[in-house]
Protein backbone atom coordinates (compact mmCIF):
# COMPACT_ATOMS: atom_id res chain seq x y z
CA MET A 1 -20.06 50.61 -26.90
CA LYS A 2 -18.18 52.49 -24.25
CA LYS A 3 -20.68 51.12 -21.94
CA THR A 4 -19.32 47.20 -22.98
CA LEU A 5 -15.97 48.54 -22.48
CA ILE A 6 -16.68 49.71 -19.07
CA GLN A 7 -18.27 46.30 -18.28
CA ALA A 8 -15.51 44.47 -20.09
CA LEU A 9 -12.62 46.29 -18.26
CA LEU A 10 -14.82 45.98 -14.84
CA LEU A 11 -15.13 42.18 -15.61
CA SER A 12 -10.90 41.84 -16.44
CA VAL A 13 -10.18 43.77 -13.06
CA ALA A 14 -12.50 41.02 -11.16
CA SER A 15 -10.99 38.32 -12.44
CA ALA A 16 -7.85 39.55 -11.77
CA THR A 17 -8.61 40.29 -8.28
CA SER A 18 -10.24 37.09 -8.48
CA ALA A 19 -6.82 34.81 -9.28
CA GLN A 20 -4.88 37.27 -6.36
CA LEU A 21 -7.35 36.31 -4.05
CA SER A 22 -6.73 32.67 -4.69
CA ALA A 23 -3.25 33.10 -5.08
CA ASP A 24 -2.95 34.13 -1.91
CA SER A 25 -5.40 32.29 -0.44
CA PHE A 26 -3.39 29.10 -1.60
CA GLU A 27 -0.27 30.64 -0.15
CA GLN A 28 -1.59 31.31 3.15
CA ALA A 29 -2.99 27.90 3.42
CA TRP A 30 0.20 25.99 1.98
CA ALA A 31 2.05 28.38 4.72
CA SER A 32 -0.62 26.96 7.48
CA ILE A 33 0.53 23.29 7.91
CA ASP A 34 3.10 23.85 10.82
CA GLU A 35 4.63 21.62 13.03
CA LYS A 36 3.40 22.67 16.38
CA GLU A 37 0.02 20.83 14.98
CA LEU A 38 1.54 18.14 13.75
CA ARG A 39 3.46 16.90 16.40
CA GLU A 40 -0.01 17.58 18.83
CA HIS A 41 -1.64 14.74 16.58
CA VAL A 42 1.31 12.61 16.36
CA LYS A 43 1.73 12.45 20.51
CA LEU A 44 -1.57 12.19 20.66
CA LEU A 45 -2.78 9.33 17.80
CA ALA A 46 0.90 7.31 19.75
CA SER A 47 0.05 7.49 23.26
CA ASP A 48 -0.05 4.91 25.25
CA LYS A 49 -4.40 6.03 25.84
CA PHE A 50 -4.63 4.95 22.54
CA GLU A 51 -2.83 1.36 23.02
CA GLY A 52 -1.56 0.82 20.21
CA ARG A 53 -4.50 1.53 17.35
CA GLN A 54 -5.49 -2.30 16.67
CA PRO A 55 -8.55 -2.64 14.69
CA THR A 56 -11.61 -3.28 16.54
CA THR A 57 -10.32 -2.41 19.68
CA ILE A 58 -10.64 0.53 22.26
CA GLY A 59 -7.64 2.46 20.18
CA GLU A 60 -9.85 2.38 17.32
CA THR A 61 -12.91 3.66 19.50
CA TYR A 62 -10.30 6.34 20.47
CA THR A 63 -8.58 7.17 17.03
CA LEU A 64 -12.22 7.46 14.82
CA GLU A 65 -13.99 9.52 17.99
CA PHE A 66 -10.96 11.92 17.30
CA LEU A 67 -10.93 12.05 13.40
CA THR A 68 -14.62 12.69 13.97
CA ARG A 69 -13.84 15.88 16.77
CA GLU A 70 -11.34 17.14 13.73
CA PHE A 71 -13.13 16.91 10.85
CA THR A 72 -16.48 17.53 11.90
CA LYS A 73 -14.72 21.27 13.47
CA LEU A 74 -13.29 21.78 9.85
CA GLY A 75 -16.66 21.77 8.55
CA TYR A 76 -15.92 18.39 6.41
CA GLU A 77 -19.32 16.60 5.13
CA PRO A 78 -19.70 12.44 6.33
CA GLY A 79 -18.56 10.34 3.24
CA VAL A 80 -20.70 7.70 3.58
CA ASN A 81 -24.44 8.37 3.89
CA GLY A 82 -24.34 10.91 6.56
CA SER A 83 -21.63 9.20 8.61
CA PHE A 84 -17.75 8.98 8.64
CA MET A 85 -17.62 5.45 8.94
CA GLN A 86 -17.48 2.70 6.42
CA PRO A 87 -18.01 -0.60 7.64
CA VAL A 88 -15.28 -3.86 6.99
CA GLY A 89 -15.76 -6.78 7.99
CA LEU A 90 -12.61 -9.00 9.06
CA VAL A 91 -11.75 -12.22 9.11
CA ARG A 92 -9.08 -13.53 11.43
CA ILE A 93 -7.93 -16.86 10.61
CA GLU A 94 -4.86 -19.07 12.40
CA ALA A 95 -3.68 -22.28 11.23
CA ASP A 96 -2.97 -24.86 13.57
CA PRO A 97 0.71 -25.07 13.25
CA ASP A 98 0.72 -29.24 13.50
CA MET A 99 0.99 -29.58 9.51
CA GLU A 100 3.31 -31.07 7.22
CA LEU A 101 3.88 -31.14 3.33
CA ASP A 102 4.53 -33.84 1.64
CA ILE A 103 6.08 -33.83 -2.06
CA ALA A 104 6.87 -37.23 -3.61
CA GLY A 105 7.86 -38.57 -0.19
CA ASP A 106 9.81 -36.13 1.04
CA LYS A 107 8.50 -34.01 4.56
CA PHE A 108 9.28 -30.40 5.12
CA GLU A 109 8.58 -28.96 8.37
CA TYR A 110 6.28 -25.94 8.96
CA LYS A 111 8.72 -22.90 9.49
CA VAL A 112 11.38 -24.40 8.98
CA ASN A 113 11.57 -25.68 5.04
CA MET A 114 7.92 -24.53 4.04
CA VAL A 115 4.76 -22.31 5.62
CA ALA A 116 1.07 -22.94 4.77
CA GLY A 117 -2.01 -21.21 5.54
CA THR A 118 -5.33 -20.64 3.67
CA ALA A 119 -7.37 -17.48 3.11
CA ARG A 120 -10.87 -19.88 3.02
CA GLU A 121 -13.25 -19.63 5.89
CA ALA A 122 -12.84 -23.70 6.19
CA SER A 123 -11.89 -25.57 9.60
CA GLU A 124 -10.06 -27.94 7.18
CA VAL A 125 -8.40 -27.79 3.70
CA GLU A 126 -6.55 -30.47 2.29
CA LEU A 127 -4.22 -30.92 -1.18
CA LYS A 128 -4.54 -34.59 -1.54
CA ASP A 129 -2.15 -36.75 -4.38
CA SER A 130 -2.39 -33.01 -5.89
CA GLU A 131 -0.21 -32.88 -9.29
CA LEU A 132 2.53 -30.56 -9.32
CA VAL A 133 3.26 -28.32 -12.16
CA PHE A 134 5.91 -25.70 -12.00
CA VAL A 135 4.90 -22.17 -13.66
CA GLY A 136 7.96 -20.03 -13.91
CA TYR A 137 6.72 -16.78 -12.68
CA GLY A 138 3.16 -17.62 -12.51
CA VAL A 139 2.50 -14.08 -14.40
CA ASN A 140 -0.38 -13.44 -17.03
CA ALA A 141 0.73 -10.33 -18.36
CA PRO A 142 -0.86 -9.54 -21.81
CA GLU A 143 0.84 -6.04 -22.21
CA TYR A 144 4.28 -7.99 -21.59
CA ASP A 145 3.46 -10.72 -24.25
CA TRP A 146 4.15 -13.33 -21.36
CA ASN A 147 2.06 -15.86 -20.30
CA ASP A 148 3.19 -18.72 -18.27
CA TYR A 149 0.01 -20.48 -17.86
CA GLU A 150 -0.74 -20.97 -22.06
CA GLY A 151 -1.36 -23.81 -22.83
CA ILE A 152 -1.04 -25.85 -19.52
CA ASP A 153 -4.66 -27.31 -17.57
CA VAL A 154 -3.66 -26.05 -13.88
CA LYS A 155 -7.46 -26.85 -12.72
CA GLY A 156 -7.13 -28.83 -9.18
CA LYS A 157 -3.25 -28.81 -9.07
CA THR A 158 -0.75 -27.05 -7.12
CA VAL A 159 1.69 -24.68 -9.20
CA VAL A 160 5.35 -23.88 -8.22
CA ILE A 161 5.79 -20.18 -8.70
CA LEU A 162 9.32 -18.42 -8.53
CA VAL A 163 9.29 -14.85 -6.50
CA ASN A 164 9.62 -11.79 -8.11
CA ASP A 165 8.95 -11.08 -11.93
CA PRO A 166 11.27 -12.11 -15.11
CA GLY A 167 13.30 -8.39 -15.06
CA PHE A 168 14.73 -8.76 -12.12
CA GLU A 169 17.49 -11.25 -12.25
CA ASN A 170 18.34 -9.89 -16.27
CA PRO A 171 17.79 -6.61 -16.50
CA ASP A 172 19.56 -5.59 -19.26
CA SER A 173 17.15 -8.40 -21.12
CA GLY A 174 14.35 -5.78 -21.58
CA LYS A 175 12.10 -7.86 -20.09
CA PHE A 176 9.24 -6.03 -17.56
CA GLN A 177 10.69 -3.38 -15.84
CA GLY A 178 14.78 -4.71 -15.20
CA LYS A 179 15.42 -4.32 -11.87
CA THR A 180 12.50 -2.39 -10.75
CA MET A 181 9.52 -4.74 -9.15
CA THR A 182 6.00 -4.86 -10.97
CA TYR A 183 3.09 -6.01 -9.55
CA TYR A 184 3.39 -9.30 -11.01
CA GLY A 185 6.32 -10.09 -8.86
CA ARG A 186 4.22 -9.58 -5.75
CA TRP A 187 3.32 -12.78 -4.39
CA THR A 188 -0.13 -10.97 -3.26
CA TYR A 189 -0.67 -11.15 -7.30
CA LYS A 190 0.48 -15.14 -8.16
CA TYR A 191 -1.87 -16.30 -5.73
CA GLU A 192 -4.65 -14.09 -7.25
CA GLU A 193 -3.43 -15.05 -10.85
CA ALA A 194 -3.07 -19.06 -9.42
CA SER A 195 -6.86 -18.84 -8.28
CA ARG A 196 -7.84 -17.57 -11.60
CA GLN A 197 -5.96 -20.39 -13.35
CA GLY A 198 -8.28 -22.62 -11.16
CA ALA A 199 -5.40 -24.51 -9.33
CA ALA A 200 -5.73 -26.04 -5.89
CA GLY A 201 -2.56 -24.70 -3.93
CA ALA A 202 0.39 -22.18 -4.91
CA LEU A 203 3.71 -22.70 -3.50
CA ILE A 204 6.09 -19.85 -4.11
CA VAL A 205 9.79 -20.28 -3.72
CA HIS A 206 11.55 -18.25 -1.38
CA GLU A 207 14.87 -16.81 -2.19
CA THR A 208 16.52 -13.53 -0.23
CA ALA A 209 17.72 -10.89 -3.08
CA PRO A 210 14.57 -11.10 -5.47
CA ALA A 211 11.97 -11.37 -2.48
CA SER A 212 14.16 -8.36 -0.84
CA TYR A 213 13.56 -10.37 2.46
CA GLY A 214 14.49 -12.99 4.31
CA TRP A 215 13.05 -16.59 4.97
CA SER A 216 12.90 -15.50 8.68
CA VAL A 217 10.39 -13.20 7.50
CA VAL A 218 8.07 -15.36 5.57
CA ALA A 219 8.03 -17.75 8.28
CA ASN A 220 7.09 -15.36 10.85
CA SER A 221 4.91 -13.11 8.91
CA TRP A 222 2.97 -16.36 7.67
CA SER A 223 2.75 -18.46 11.20
CA GLY A 224 0.19 -17.24 13.61
CA PRO A 225 -3.59 -14.98 12.86
CA GLN A 226 -3.81 -13.77 9.22
CA TYR A 227 -6.75 -11.85 8.57
CA GLY A 228 -8.66 -11.45 5.91
CA LEU A 229 -12.02 -9.62 4.47
CA VAL A 230 -15.32 -11.10 4.75
CA THR A 231 -16.85 -12.43 1.49
CA PRO A 232 -19.71 -13.51 1.03
CA ASP A 233 -18.23 -17.07 0.04
CA GLY A 234 -15.88 -17.72 2.13
CA ASN A 235 -13.05 -16.72 -0.23
CA LYS A 236 -13.97 -19.92 -1.82
CA ASP A 237 -12.50 -18.86 -5.18
CA ARG A 238 -8.87 -18.34 -3.36
CA VAL A 239 -6.83 -21.71 -3.94
CA ALA A 240 -7.41 -23.82 -0.64
CA VAL A 241 -3.85 -24.04 -0.15
CA GLU A 242 -1.21 -21.17 -0.12
CA GLY A 243 2.70 -21.49 0.94
CA TRP A 244 6.01 -20.65 0.43
CA LEU A 245 8.96 -23.20 -0.02
CA SER A 246 12.37 -22.13 1.07
CA VAL A 247 15.00 -22.23 -1.73
CA GLU A 248 16.70 -25.29 -0.19
CA ALA A 249 13.22 -27.50 0.30
CA ALA A 250 13.00 -26.25 -3.66
CA GLN A 251 15.95 -27.83 -5.00
CA GLN A 252 14.94 -30.84 -3.14
CA VAL A 253 11.58 -30.82 -4.83
CA PHE A 254 12.79 -30.91 -8.15
CA ALA A 255 15.52 -33.20 -7.82
CA LYS A 256 13.25 -35.84 -6.88
CA ALA A 257 11.31 -34.85 -9.88
CA GLY A 258 14.69 -35.64 -11.77
CA LEU A 259 14.49 -31.76 -12.21
CA ASP A 260 17.46 -29.17 -11.88
CA TYR A 261 15.78 -25.82 -9.55
CA PHE A 262 18.41 -23.37 -11.26
CA ASP A 263 18.45 -24.73 -14.91
CA GLU A 264 14.03 -24.32 -14.74
CA LYS A 265 14.67 -21.08 -13.79
CA GLN A 266 17.28 -19.75 -16.08
CA LYS A 267 14.51 -21.54 -18.81
CA ALA A 268 11.86 -19.28 -17.40
CA MET A 269 13.38 -16.60 -17.10
CA GLN A 270 13.95 -16.32 -21.51
CA GLY A 271 10.13 -16.53 -21.94
CA PRO A 272 6.68 -17.71 -20.71
CA TYR A 273 7.52 -21.16 -19.11
CA ALA A 274 5.65 -24.57 -17.50
CA LYS A 275 6.39 -27.70 -17.28
CA ALA A 276 4.33 -30.56 -15.16
CA MET A 277 6.79 -32.23 -12.38
CA GLY A 278 5.43 -35.45 -12.29
CA SER A 279 5.21 -35.24 -8.52
CA LYS A 280 2.56 -35.20 -6.19
CA ALA A 281 1.90 -33.00 -3.09
CA ASN A 282 0.04 -33.83 0.20
CA ILE A 283 -1.43 -31.78 3.17
CA LYS A 284 -4.07 -31.27 5.75
CA ILE A 285 -4.63 -27.53 7.19
CA LYS A 286 -6.55 -27.28 10.02
CA SER A 287 -7.70 -23.57 11.36
CA SER A 288 -10.05 -21.79 13.56
CA HIS A 289 -11.37 -18.44 11.75
CA GLU A 290 -13.20 -15.35 14.35
CA LYS A 291 -15.06 -12.58 12.38
CA SER A 292 -14.94 -8.85 13.58
CA GLN A 293 -16.06 -5.21 12.28
CA SER A 294 -13.07 -2.55 11.74
CA TYR A 295 -14.13 0.66 9.98
CA ASN A 296 -12.43 3.39 7.11
CA PHE A 297 -13.77 6.76 7.86
CA LEU A 298 -14.14 8.87 5.31
CA ALA A 299 -14.51 13.23 5.06
CA THR A 300 -15.31 15.67 2.05
CA LEU A 301 -14.80 19.21 0.92
CA PRO A 302 -17.44 19.08 -1.57
CA GLY A 303 -16.03 20.98 -4.87
CA SER A 304 -17.47 24.21 -5.97
CA GLU A 305 -18.02 23.59 -9.54
CA ARG A 306 -17.49 19.44 -10.47
CA PRO A 307 -18.39 17.86 -6.96
CA ASP A 308 -18.72 14.73 -8.43
CA GLU A 309 -14.91 14.44 -9.17
CA HIS A 310 -12.56 13.61 -6.62
CA ILE A 311 -9.14 13.18 -5.56
CA ILE A 312 -8.94 10.95 -2.26
CA TYR A 313 -5.86 11.15 0.07
CA THR A 314 -5.14 8.25 2.36
CA ALA A 315 -3.25 7.00 5.36
CA HIS A 316 -3.74 3.98 7.50
CA TRP A 317 -4.93 5.11 11.14
CA ASP A 318 -4.20 1.25 12.40
CA HIS A 319 -1.45 -0.19 13.80
CA LEU A 320 -0.21 -2.92 15.78
CA GLY A 321 -2.20 -2.47 19.19
CA LYS A 322 -0.29 -3.68 22.23
CA ASP A 323 1.01 -7.61 23.87
CA PRO A 324 -1.07 -8.61 26.61
CA ASN A 325 1.90 -11.56 27.01
CA LYS A 326 5.02 -9.12 26.97
CA GLU A 327 6.57 -7.99 29.69
CA GLY A 328 7.33 -4.73 30.09
CA ASP A 329 6.31 -2.37 27.03
CA ASN A 330 3.56 -3.87 25.92
CA ILE A 331 2.53 -1.20 23.34
CA TYR A 332 3.17 -0.67 19.82
CA ASN A 333 2.42 3.08 19.78
CA GLY A 334 2.88 3.17 15.83
CA ALA A 335 4.10 6.83 16.09
CA HIS A 336 6.20 6.62 12.81
CA ASP A 337 3.88 3.94 11.30
CA ASN A 338 1.65 5.54 10.84
CA ALA A 339 0.63 8.54 13.45
CA THR A 340 2.89 10.89 11.23
CA GLY A 341 0.84 10.04 7.89
CA SER A 342 -2.18 10.47 9.84
CA ALA A 343 -1.58 13.87 11.13
CA GLY A 344 -0.27 15.01 7.74
CA LEU A 345 -3.69 14.27 6.43
CA ILE A 346 -5.50 16.05 9.13
CA SER A 347 -3.15 19.43 8.30
CA ILE A 348 -3.58 18.93 4.85
CA ALA A 349 -7.77 18.79 5.02
CA LYS A 350 -7.10 21.94 7.84
CA ALA A 351 -5.16 23.84 4.59
CA PHE A 352 -8.38 22.85 1.96
CA ALA A 353 -10.75 23.59 4.76
CA SER A 354 -9.18 27.41 5.21
CA LEU A 355 -9.26 28.62 1.44
CA ASP A 356 -11.56 31.61 0.36
CA LYS A 357 -13.05 29.17 -1.65
CA ARG A 358 -13.21 25.83 -2.55
CA PRO A 359 -11.30 23.91 -4.83
CA ALA A 360 -13.52 23.27 -8.59
CA ARG A 361 -13.29 19.35 -7.50
CA SER A 362 -14.21 17.51 -4.44
CA VAL A 363 -11.39 16.57 -1.61
CA SER A 364 -11.86 13.76 0.24
CA PHE A 365 -9.43 12.29 3.47
CA LEU A 366 -9.66 7.95 3.43
CA PHE A 367 -8.39 7.01 6.53
CA VAL A 368 -8.24 3.31 5.99
CA THR A 369 -8.03 0.14 8.92
CA ALA A 370 -5.83 -2.66 8.75
CA GLU A 371 -3.18 -1.84 6.68
CA GLU A 372 -0.82 -3.83 8.75
CA GLN A 373 -3.59 -6.87 8.45
CA GLY A 374 -2.64 -7.08 4.61
CA LEU A 375 -4.20 -3.18 2.82
CA LEU A 376 -7.65 -4.52 3.86
CA GLY A 377 -9.29 -0.99 4.59
CA SER A 378 -8.06 -0.10 1.79
CA LYS A 379 -8.87 -2.56 -0.34
CA TYR A 380 -12.52 -2.74 0.87
CA TYR A 381 -12.87 0.44 -0.38
CA GLY A 382 -11.45 -0.29 -3.82
CA GLU A 383 -13.97 -2.72 -3.81
CA ASN A 384 -16.64 -0.90 -2.60
CA PRO A 385 -15.81 2.74 -3.19
CA VAL A 386 -18.25 4.96 -1.98
CA TYR A 387 -17.36 6.97 -4.70
CA PRO A 388 -17.54 5.86 -8.42
CA LEU A 389 -13.81 4.68 -9.15
CA ASP A 390 -14.43 6.66 -13.15
CA LYS A 391 -15.15 9.90 -10.68
CA THR A 392 -11.79 9.48 -8.39
CA VAL A 393 -9.17 11.28 -10.51
CA ALA A 394 -6.55 10.74 -8.36
CA ASN A 395 -5.27 9.24 -4.71
CA ILE A 396 -2.37 10.89 -3.02
CA ASN A 397 -1.24 8.44 0.11
CA ILE A 398 1.09 8.95 2.91
CA ASP A 399 2.99 6.21 5.11
CA ALA A 400 4.94 7.05 7.58
CA MET A 401 6.44 10.80 7.03
CA ASN A 402 10.14 11.66 6.75
CA ILE A 403 11.64 12.26 10.62
CA GLN A 404 14.71 12.47 9.46
CA GLY A 405 14.85 16.36 8.62
CA ARG A 406 14.48 18.27 5.07
CA THR A 407 16.02 17.15 2.61
CA LYS A 408 16.82 18.60 -1.00
CA ASP A 409 15.05 15.64 -3.18
CA VAL A 410 11.26 13.97 -2.53
CA GLU A 411 11.61 10.06 -3.68
CA VAL A 412 9.01 8.65 -5.84
CA VAL A 413 7.54 5.07 -4.87
CA GLY A 414 6.87 3.64 -8.36
CA PHE A 415 9.00 6.24 -10.21
CA GLY A 416 7.50 6.77 -13.52
CA LYS A 417 3.76 5.02 -13.35
CA SER A 418 1.71 8.36 -13.73
CA GLU A 419 0.90 12.25 -14.76
CA LEU A 420 0.88 12.83 -11.35
CA GLU A 421 4.59 12.82 -11.17
CA VAL A 422 4.30 16.30 -13.02
CA TYR A 423 1.80 17.73 -10.17
CA LEU A 424 5.06 16.55 -7.94
CA GLU A 425 7.91 17.66 -10.06
CA LYS A 426 5.91 21.34 -9.71
CA ALA A 427 5.43 21.26 -6.05
CA ALA A 428 9.06 20.11 -5.42
CA LYS A 429 10.43 22.75 -7.36
CA LYS A 430 8.75 25.34 -5.40
CA GLN A 431 10.51 24.51 -2.25
CA GLY A 432 13.58 23.92 -4.49
CA ARG A 433 13.60 20.25 -4.47
CA VAL A 434 13.89 17.77 -7.27
CA ILE A 435 12.06 14.66 -7.52
CA VAL A 436 13.57 11.28 -7.69
CA GLN A 437 13.55 7.14 -7.86
CA GLU A 438 13.52 5.29 -4.55
CA SER A 439 16.37 4.09 -3.35
CA ARG A 440 15.27 0.64 -3.84
CA PRO A 441 12.31 -0.10 -6.98
CA ALA A 442 13.42 -4.17 -6.48
CA ALA A 443 11.81 -4.22 -3.42
CA GLY A 444 8.37 -3.57 -4.79
CA TYR A 445 7.35 -1.08 -2.15
CA TYR A 446 4.34 0.60 -4.64
CA TYR A 447 2.75 -2.91 -3.86
CA ARG A 448 2.73 -2.49 -0.09
CA SER A 449 1.19 0.90 1.30
CA ASP A 450 -2.67 1.68 0.74
CA HIS A 451 -2.80 3.88 -2.32
CA PHE A 452 -1.74 0.17 -4.28
CA SER A 453 -5.66 -0.33 -3.71
CA LEU A 454 -6.69 2.13 -5.52
CA ALA A 455 -4.12 1.92 -8.18
CA LYS A 456 -5.11 -2.10 -8.84
CA GLN A 457 -8.44 -0.36 -9.65
CA GLY A 458 -7.25 1.67 -12.56
CA VAL A 459 -7.24 4.90 -10.12
CA PRO A 460 -3.65 7.05 -10.92
CA ALA A 461 -2.38 6.56 -7.50
CA LEU A 462 0.69 8.97 -6.07
CA TYR A 463 2.93 7.57 -3.51
CA ALA A 464 6.22 9.85 -2.59
CA LYS A 465 8.47 10.68 0.53
CA GLY A 466 10.78 12.55 1.84
CA GLY A 467 14.53 11.83 -0.26
CA ALA A 468 17.74 10.39 0.80
CA THR A 469 20.14 13.81 0.61
CA PRO A 470 19.26 15.86 3.45
CA ILE A 471 19.06 19.74 3.18
CA ASP A 472 22.77 21.03 4.72
CA GLU A 473 25.77 19.32 7.23
CA ALA A 474 23.76 19.81 10.59
CA THR A 475 20.78 18.23 9.09
CA ALA A 476 22.94 15.24 7.70
CA ALA A 477 24.67 14.74 11.38
CA TYR A 478 20.36 14.86 13.41
CA LYS A 479 19.75 11.96 10.39
CA LYS A 480 22.59 9.54 11.37
CA ARG A 481 21.86 9.98 14.92
CA ILE A 482 18.06 9.44 14.70
CA SER A 483 18.76 6.66 12.40
CA VAL A 484 20.96 4.58 14.84
CA ILE A 485 18.39 5.44 17.47
CA GLN A 486 15.42 4.40 15.12
CA SER A 487 17.09 1.42 13.61
CA GLY A 488 15.26 -1.80 14.36
CA CYS A 489 12.04 0.26 15.33
CA TYR A 490 9.26 -0.61 12.44
CA HIS A 491 6.78 -2.95 13.71
CA GLN A 492 8.09 -3.06 17.40
CA VAL A 493 7.61 -0.88 20.67
CA CYS A 494 9.99 1.28 20.42
CA ASP A 495 8.29 3.40 17.80
CA LYS A 496 7.00 6.07 19.77
CA TYR A 497 6.69 9.49 19.25
CA ARG A 498 9.72 11.67 20.15
CA GLU A 499 10.45 15.37 21.11
CA SER A 500 13.81 15.00 19.72
CA TRP A 501 12.07 14.11 16.11
CA ASP A 502 12.98 16.94 13.46
CA PHE A 503 9.55 17.37 11.93
CA GLY A 504 11.11 19.82 9.15
CA GLY A 505 10.83 16.67 6.98
CA ILE A 506 7.30 16.47 7.63
CA VAL A 507 6.29 20.12 7.48
CA GLU A 508 7.60 20.40 4.23
CA ASP A 509 6.16 16.87 2.57
CA THR A 510 2.44 17.76 4.30
CA GLN A 511 2.96 20.78 2.20
CA LEU A 512 4.48 19.32 -0.50
CA PHE A 513 0.91 17.07 -1.16
CA PHE A 514 -1.09 19.64 -0.09
CA HIS A 515 0.21 21.48 -3.32
CA VAL A 516 -0.44 18.30 -5.63
CA GLY A 517 -4.02 18.12 -4.66
CA TYR A 518 -5.17 21.71 -4.32
CA ASP A 519 -3.40 21.76 -8.43
CA ILE A 520 -5.65 18.39 -9.72
CA ALA A 521 -8.44 19.76 -7.82
CA ASN A 522 -8.49 23.16 -9.52
CA THR A 523 -7.83 21.63 -12.80
CA ASP A 524 -10.02 19.64 -15.33
CA ASP A 525 -7.18 17.88 -16.32
CA TRP A 526 -7.14 13.87 -15.56
CA PRO A 527 -3.68 12.59 -15.52
CA LYS A 528 -3.13 9.14 -16.79
CA TRP A 529 -1.08 6.29 -16.07
CA ASN A 530 1.68 6.06 -18.37
CA LYS A 531 1.74 3.69 -21.23
CA THR A 532 4.62 1.49 -19.19
CA SER A 533 2.66 1.37 -16.36
CA GLU A 534 0.85 -2.21 -15.50
CA PHE A 535 -2.44 -0.15 -14.08
CA GLN A 536 -4.78 1.35 -16.60
CA ARG A 537 -8.33 2.99 -16.44
CA LYS A 538 -10.49 0.56 -16.08
CA LYS A 539 -13.00 0.80 -19.14
């Protein structure tokens, strides 16, 4: 009995000592995330040598070599069959701008009041006397008891679709999530659903408020080279023609069909709605296409107890490269977007590697390619996962970190979607911060970064960043100054590393995300999507 009691006491002391060592180790790892190293990594990745980190260029080569050195030094295992690299086949499709959309005899001009293209690897696609069908918001959402396609056959026809979702225009109706956009409001979903319904073409009506951007963004973003993933069937399962109509063009199309656009929109807001328009569309689109290969980068720290279960951190390593036709400075360095996020992931990886004991679950770091071309690297991983998705516990994504100084709050993009926010709230509390909803939920930013590709596959995904409330008056004054300097630098050559940047916000957010991942990696909990989310674990 005495011997047993002594053994029990020794075991208790050993357990307490082990717990204290682990706690001390976490604190040391958390504190090891410092400004100097973050600055060094951002400065290097955003240097002219990397030429803007465009996929398939020398900038990609330098980036992948740098990541390989860093993660090898940290002792991480290559995640892809003995390699850090996951090949991602890309296809560049450029539509000939010499096109014209004819609807019921009315002509619509490319980039002026319509934009069109194709996701198919085809030299030519065509709509010929294709019947137009207005399908409201083009939504098929069983969880909201909403199906705009119910009872109408759109096979081989061209659907006309409203932008955003039914909650935006009528936020007090209880429909969807009010002003907060769901995935059903994104243009990507609308083309996907139209394709599933067998349509030949899909035209989205642009309005600035529900889209959250002006017509010029549509005209400029949808013209010129467009990128997609290489698929076995050359994307033949997509609608032949994907396009946009300006709201003025839509009014003209509806009027020609004897309908009032805004009256029809009101009907579509009230409930699922579709109506044949009695008009026909004609357009011929010629395109060139070119294939290339880029790479995702995946590194893993195997778990000590359940190595088959993974927490995956993501950030995109790519940016826009350089423009040889531009005079003067022609390198889009992408310091903020997303050298900061890539640097943050490296610092988090180093913190995990410094722990005296590896986390119970594996922690993986996925740097994805071609985010700027439409989340293509993460989309590829989501459709071709290295680690089974049903063993992927959570995703934490970092994109364009806070360069405006420390904040009292943390903005959650897609607030209320999953239980991951419980972990985020705990980590924020350690820093004396609170979590809040993003400032513009109607813009749908949750669907515009790489976590979305995993969320779409059912993996709970967290996307958050420094909030809007500066920590003190000095930081508020700095934020005002740097906002003026950085204004207009998104996707421009002036997105460069600046010694004047206050990295305080980057440091605290990096520590925050390390804390969240550490807690999830050391629990047997499986965070869930909230019932109100449009995403759920796949069976």
